[in-house]
Amino acid sequence: MAMRRVKIAELKDRLSEHLRAVEKGAEVVVTDRDRPIARIVPILQPGRRARVLPPSLPFPSIRERRRTRAGWAISSTDLLLEERQER
């Protein structure tokens, strides 16, 4: 199911409708002036539990691994500063 984006006022006005959609598996993102502030997601049903799998490799064997750079045209610091200026 698709994720819905709703403003606070709409959530207040149509709460039951949005909760029924969540119950059916949808996610609702609540926004305040187009800024996401909360997400409403379905809870796990009884009997449906998350599985915890053992690691495929021991942690010490991957501790020193470094990821390769993304190769973007702009640095992540510049992206962060740009985002902060929009607030």
Protein backbone atom coordinates (compact mmCIF):
# COMPACT_ATOMS: atom_id res chain seq x y z
CA MET A 1 0.00 0.00 0.00
CA ALA A 2 1.14 3.55 -0.68
CA MET A 3 2.26 5.92 2.01
CA ARG A 4 -0.15 8.77 2.66
CA ARG A 5 0.98 12.28 3.58
CA VAL A 6 -1.55 14.25 5.62
CA LYS A 7 -1.50 17.60 7.35
CA ILE A 8 -2.34 17.79 11.04
CA ALA A 9 -5.74 19.39 10.40
CA GLU A 10 -6.72 16.66 7.93
CA LEU A 11 -5.60 13.99 10.38
CA LYS A 12 -7.81 15.53 13.07
CA ASP A 13 -10.79 15.78 10.72
CA ARG A 14 -10.52 12.24 9.29
CA LEU A 15 -8.70 10.31 12.00
CA SER A 16 -10.94 7.23 11.82
CA GLU A 17 -10.49 6.94 8.05
CA HIS A 18 -6.71 7.17 8.32
CA LEU A 19 -6.59 4.65 11.16
CA ARG A 20 -8.65 2.17 9.12
CA ALA A 21 -6.14 2.56 6.26
CA VAL A 22 -3.26 1.92 8.67
CA GLU A 23 -5.07 -1.13 9.98
CA LYS A 24 -5.12 -2.44 6.40
CA GLY A 25 -1.36 -1.94 6.07
CA ALA A 26 -0.92 1.67 4.92
CA GLU A 27 1.50 4.13 6.47
CA VAL A 28 0.49 7.72 7.22
CA VAL A 29 3.08 10.48 7.40
CA VAL A 30 1.86 13.50 9.37
CA THR A 31 3.21 16.84 8.20
CA ASP A 32 3.35 20.30 9.73
CA ARG A 33 3.82 22.96 7.02
CA ASP A 34 5.03 20.24 4.61
CA ARG A 35 7.65 19.05 7.13
CA PRO A 36 7.21 15.40 8.19
CA ILE A 37 6.83 15.17 11.97
CA ALA A 38 5.35 11.72 12.61
CA ARG A 39 4.57 8.40 10.97
CA ILE A 40 1.68 6.13 11.84
CA VAL A 41 2.38 2.50 10.98
CA PRO A 42 0.51 -0.76 11.63
CA ILE A 43 1.56 -2.76 14.65
CA LEU A 44 2.64 -6.36 14.28
CA GLN A 45 -0.18 -8.81 14.61
CA PRO A 46 -0.03 -11.39 17.42
CA GLY A 47 1.72 -14.45 16.12
CA ARG A 48 3.64 -12.43 13.53
CA ARG A 49 6.96 -11.79 15.18
CA ALA A 50 10.18 -10.40 13.86
CA ARG A 51 12.90 -12.97 13.40
CA VAL A 52 16.38 -12.33 14.71
CA LEU A 53 18.96 -13.97 12.51
CA PRO A 54 22.51 -14.69 13.64
CA PRO A 55 25.19 -12.68 11.83
CA SER A 56 26.75 -14.26 8.76
CA LEU A 57 30.22 -12.93 9.71
CA PRO A 58 31.70 -12.19 13.12
CA PHE A 59 31.88 -8.45 13.87
CA PRO A 60 35.68 -8.28 14.33
CA SER A 61 36.13 -9.51 10.75
CA ILE A 62 34.23 -6.51 9.33
CA ARG A 63 35.06 -3.84 11.92
CA GLU A 64 37.73 -2.13 9.83
CA ARG A 65 35.82 -2.17 6.52
CA ARG A 66 35.31 1.21 4.92
CA ARG A 67 32.66 2.01 2.38
CA THR A 68 33.57 3.58 -0.96
CA ARG A 69 32.55 7.17 -1.57
CA ALA A 70 29.23 7.72 -3.29
CA GLY A 71 30.79 9.81 -6.05
CA TRP A 72 28.14 12.55 -5.93
CA ALA A 73 28.75 15.90 -7.57
CA ILE A 74 28.09 17.64 -4.23
CA SER A 75 29.49 16.78 -0.81
CA SER A 76 27.28 15.46 1.96
CA THR A 77 28.30 18.45 4.11
CA ASP A 78 27.02 20.85 1.45
CA LEU A 79 23.76 18.91 1.22
CA LEU A 80 23.33 19.09 4.99
CA LEU A 81 24.00 22.83 5.08
CA GLU A 82 21.57 23.40 2.22
CA GLU A 83 18.85 21.48 4.06
CA ARG A 84 19.44 23.43 7.27
CA GLN A 85 19.14 26.76 5.43
CA GLU A 86 15.64 25.79 4.23
CA ARG A 87 14.33 25.66 7.81
